[in-house]
Amino acid sequence: MKTFLKWLIITPIALAILAFAIMNRQNVPVILDPFGSDIPGLRFEAPLFFVMFLCGALGVLAGGFVTWIGQGKHRRAAREARAEVARLRAMVPPANVVALPPPGANRAA
């Protein structure tokens, strides 16, 4: 059921992305110079869908990086808690396990 629902959601999204890519194949100029100078190394042409997908992928990577940085204090707290648990476990003496005598050992002869 879970797999079916996943495919039910992913399939239309994938078809929409595919349709977007097919309909936006024309080349667009990409200028990486914010000041508008005509340096040839900072200007190229690429299909529009490629530019859009690249921007989306860079946005996902940037968002993941910012989230990872923001969660640093939580990872540190978890690491410190694990260290404290290990320290406390080392302080607890092992349980004294008393072995039971084998069956028939207490019989009077």
C-alpha atoms as a PDB file:
ATOM      1  CA  MET A   1       0.000   0.000   0.000  1.00  0.00           C
ATOM      2  CA  LYS A   2       2.830   2.366   0.890  1.00  0.00           C
ATOM      3  CA  THR A   3       4.604   1.631  -2.388  1.00  0.00           C
ATOM      4  CA  PHE A   4       1.402   2.206  -4.350  1.00  0.00           C
ATOM      5  CA  LEU A   5       0.861   5.596  -2.712  1.00  0.00           C
ATOM      6  CA  LYS A   6       4.463   6.554  -3.386  1.00  0.00           C
ATOM      7  CA  TRP A   7       4.061   5.724  -7.077  1.00  0.00           C
ATOM      8  CA  LEU A   8       0.692   7.476  -7.141  1.00  0.00           C
ATOM      9  CA  ILE A   9       2.400  10.695  -6.039  1.00  0.00           C
ATOM     10  CA  ILE A  10       5.722  10.368  -7.883  1.00  0.00           C
ATOM     11  CA  THR A  11       4.320   9.416 -11.309  1.00  0.00           C
ATOM     12  CA  PRO A  12       2.380  12.652 -11.988  1.00  0.00           C
ATOM     13  CA  ILE A  13       5.277  14.751 -10.704  1.00  0.00           C
ATOM     14  CA  ALA A  14       7.725  12.907 -12.964  1.00  0.00           C
ATOM     15  CA  LEU A  15       5.389  13.298 -15.945  1.00  0.00           C
ATOM     16  CA  ALA A  16       5.046  17.029 -15.272  1.00  0.00           C
ATOM     17  CA  ILE A  17       8.834  17.413 -15.075  1.00  0.00           C
ATOM     18  CA  LEU A  18       9.243  15.443 -18.293  1.00  0.00           C
ATOM     19  CA  ALA A  19       6.620  17.590 -20.051  1.00  0.00           C
ATOM     20  CA  PHE A  20       8.366  20.741 -18.793  1.00  0.00           C
ATOM     21  CA  ALA A  21      11.682  19.512 -20.173  1.00  0.00           C
ATOM     22  CA  ILE A  22      10.182  18.631 -23.552  1.00  0.00           C
ATOM     23  CA  MET A  23       8.376  21.955 -23.931  1.00  0.00           C
ATOM     24  CA  ASN A  24      11.367  24.113 -22.883  1.00  0.00           C
ATOM     25  CA  ARG A  25      14.186  22.898 -25.101  1.00  0.00           C
ATOM     26  CA  GLN A  26      15.058  26.271 -26.609  1.00  0.00           C
ATOM     27  CA  ASN A  27      18.450  27.720 -25.740  1.00  0.00           C
ATOM     28  CA  VAL A  28      18.584  30.731 -23.470  1.00  0.00           C
ATOM     29  CA  PRO A  29      21.580  32.938 -22.708  1.00  0.00           C
ATOM     30  CA  VAL A  30      22.982  32.493 -19.211  1.00  0.00           C
ATOM     31  CA  ILE A  31      25.058  35.452 -18.049  1.00  0.00           C
ATOM     32  CA  LEU A  32      27.050  34.952 -14.861  1.00  0.00           C
ATOM     33  CA  ASP A  33      28.324  38.517 -14.670  1.00  0.00           C
ATOM     34  CA  PRO A  34      26.024  40.682 -12.525  1.00  0.00           C
ATOM     35  CA  PHE A  35      27.516  43.907 -13.969  1.00  0.00           C
ATOM     36  CA  GLY A  36      26.755  43.041 -17.602  1.00  0.00           C
ATOM     37  CA  SER A  37      30.231  43.229 -19.102  1.00  0.00           C
ATOM     38  CA  ASP A  38      30.804  41.265 -22.284  1.00  0.00           C
ATOM     39  CA  ILE A  39      33.377  38.783 -21.010  1.00  0.00           C
ATOM     40  CA  PRO A  40      32.875  35.649 -23.123  1.00  0.00           C
ATOM     41  CA  GLY A  41      33.785  33.255 -20.301  1.00  0.00           C
ATOM     42  CA  LEU A  42      30.876  34.442 -18.167  1.00  0.00           C
ATOM     43  CA  ARG A  43      28.213  33.937 -20.836  1.00  0.00           C
ATOM     44  CA  PHE A  44      26.922  30.725 -22.395  1.00  0.00           C
ATOM     45  CA  GLU A  45      23.761  29.281 -23.836  1.00  0.00           C
ATOM     46  CA  ALA A  46      21.928  26.266 -22.468  1.00  0.00           C
ATOM     47  CA  PRO A  47      18.469  24.732 -22.790  1.00  0.00           C
ATOM     48  CA  LEU A  48      15.937  26.372 -20.484  1.00  0.00           C
ATOM     49  CA  PHE A  49      14.997  23.107 -18.765  1.00  0.00           C
ATOM     50  CA  PHE A  50      18.673  22.468 -17.950  1.00  0.00           C
ATOM     51  CA  VAL A  51      19.040  25.922 -16.409  1.00  0.00           C
ATOM     52  CA  MET A  52      15.852  25.419 -14.359  1.00  0.00           C
ATOM     53  CA  PHE A  53      16.873  21.937 -13.153  1.00  0.00           C
ATOM     54  CA  LEU A  54      20.350  23.179 -12.294  1.00  0.00           C
ATOM     55  CA  CYS A  55      18.920  26.077 -10.277  1.00  0.00           C
ATOM     56  CA  GLY A  56      16.556  23.694  -8.484  1.00  0.00           C
ATOM     57  CA  ALA A  57      19.365  21.264  -7.672  1.00  0.00           C
ATOM     58  CA  LEU A  58      21.577  24.084  -6.381  1.00  0.00           C
ATOM     59  CA  GLY A  59      18.666  25.302  -4.239  1.00  0.00           C
ATOM     60  CA  VAL A  60      18.188  21.837  -2.748  1.00  0.00           C
ATOM     61  CA  LEU A  61      21.910  21.549  -1.999  1.00  0.00           C
ATOM     62  CA  ALA A  62      22.052  25.011  -0.448  1.00  0.00           C
ATOM     63  CA  GLY A  63      18.966  24.310   1.664  1.00  0.00           C
ATOM     64  CA  GLY A  64      20.391  21.001   2.840  1.00  0.00           C
ATOM     65  CA  PHE A  65      23.670  22.640   3.780  1.00  0.00           C
ATOM     66  CA  VAL A  66      21.959  25.435   5.719  1.00  0.00           C
ATOM     67  CA  THR A  67      19.757  22.897   7.525  1.00  0.00           C
ATOM     68  CA  TRP A  68      22.790  20.766   8.370  1.00  0.00           C
ATOM     69  CA  ILE A  69      24.570  23.817   9.811  1.00  0.00           C
ATOM     70  CA  GLY A  70      21.463  24.813  11.768  1.00  0.00           C
ATOM     71  CA  GLN A  71      21.129  21.354  13.331  1.00  0.00           C
ATOM     72  CA  GLY A  72      24.703  21.354  14.607  1.00  0.00           C
ATOM     73  CA  LYS A  73      23.675  22.161  18.181  1.00  0.00           C
ATOM     74  CA  HIS A  74      21.268  19.213  18.212  1.00  0.00           C
ATOM     75  CA  ARG A  75      23.917  16.820  16.883  1.00  0.00           C
ATOM     76  CA  ARG A  76      26.346  18.106  19.525  1.00  0.00           C
ATOM     77  CA  ALA A  77      23.761  17.577  22.294  1.00  0.00           C
ATOM     78  CA  ALA A  78      23.100  14.020  21.082  1.00  0.00           C
ATOM     79  CA  ARG A  79      26.842  13.298  20.949  1.00  0.00           C
ATOM     80  CA  GLU A  80      27.291  14.606  24.497  1.00  0.00           C
ATOM     81  CA  ALA A  81      24.301  12.574  25.717  1.00  0.00           C
ATOM     82  CA  ARG A  82      25.750   9.383  24.174  1.00  0.00           C
ATOM     83  CA  ALA A  83      29.084  10.085  25.850  1.00  0.00           C
ATOM     84  CA  GLU A  84      27.371  10.586  29.206  1.00  0.00           C
ATOM     85  CA  VAL A  85      25.393   7.369  28.825  1.00  0.00           C
ATOM     86  CA  ALA A  86      28.615   5.498  28.078  1.00  0.00           C
ATOM     87  CA  ARG A  87      30.282   7.098  31.099  1.00  0.00           C
ATOM     88  CA  LEU A  88      27.377   6.186  33.386  1.00  0.00           C
ATOM     89  CA  ARG A  89      27.264   2.630  32.078  1.00  0.00           C
ATOM     90  CA  ALA A  90      30.959   2.276  32.828  1.00  0.00           C
ATOM     91  CA  MET A  91      30.323   3.422  36.426  1.00  0.00           C
ATOM     92  CA  VAL A  92      27.641   0.786  37.096  1.00  0.00           C
ATOM     93  CA  PRO A  93      29.194  -2.443  38.335  1.00  0.00           C
ATOM     94  CA  PRO A  94      28.208  -5.580  36.466  1.00  0.00           C
ATOM     95  CA  ALA A  95      25.261  -7.394  37.977  1.00  0.00           C
ATOM     96  CA  ASN A  96      26.215 -10.243  40.287  1.00  0.00           C
ATOM     97  CA  VAL A  97      24.707 -13.209  38.581  1.00  0.00           C
ATOM     98  CA  VAL A  98      24.281 -16.185  40.858  1.00  0.00           C
ATOM     99  CA  ALA A  99      24.383 -19.439  39.000  1.00  0.00           C
ATOM    100  CA  LEU A 100      21.714 -21.903  39.967  1.00  0.00           C
ATOM    101  CA  PRO A 101      22.930 -25.324  41.001  1.00  0.00           C
ATOM    102  CA  PRO A 102      22.401 -28.029  38.435  1.00  0.00           C
ATOM    103  CA  PRO A 103      19.202 -30.045  38.829  1.00  0.00           C
ATOM    104  CA  GLY A 104      19.553 -32.808  41.382  1.00  0.00           C
ATOM    105  CA  ALA A 105      22.518 -31.285  43.205  1.00  0.00           C
ATOM    106  CA  ASN A 106      20.503 -30.575  46.394  1.00  0.00           C
ATOM    107  CA  ARG A 107      19.231 -34.147  46.842  1.00  0.00           C
ATOM    108  CA  ALA A 108      20.234 -35.813  50.023  1.00  0.00           C
ATOM    109  CA  ALA A 109      22.051 -39.049  49.443  1.00  0.00           C
END
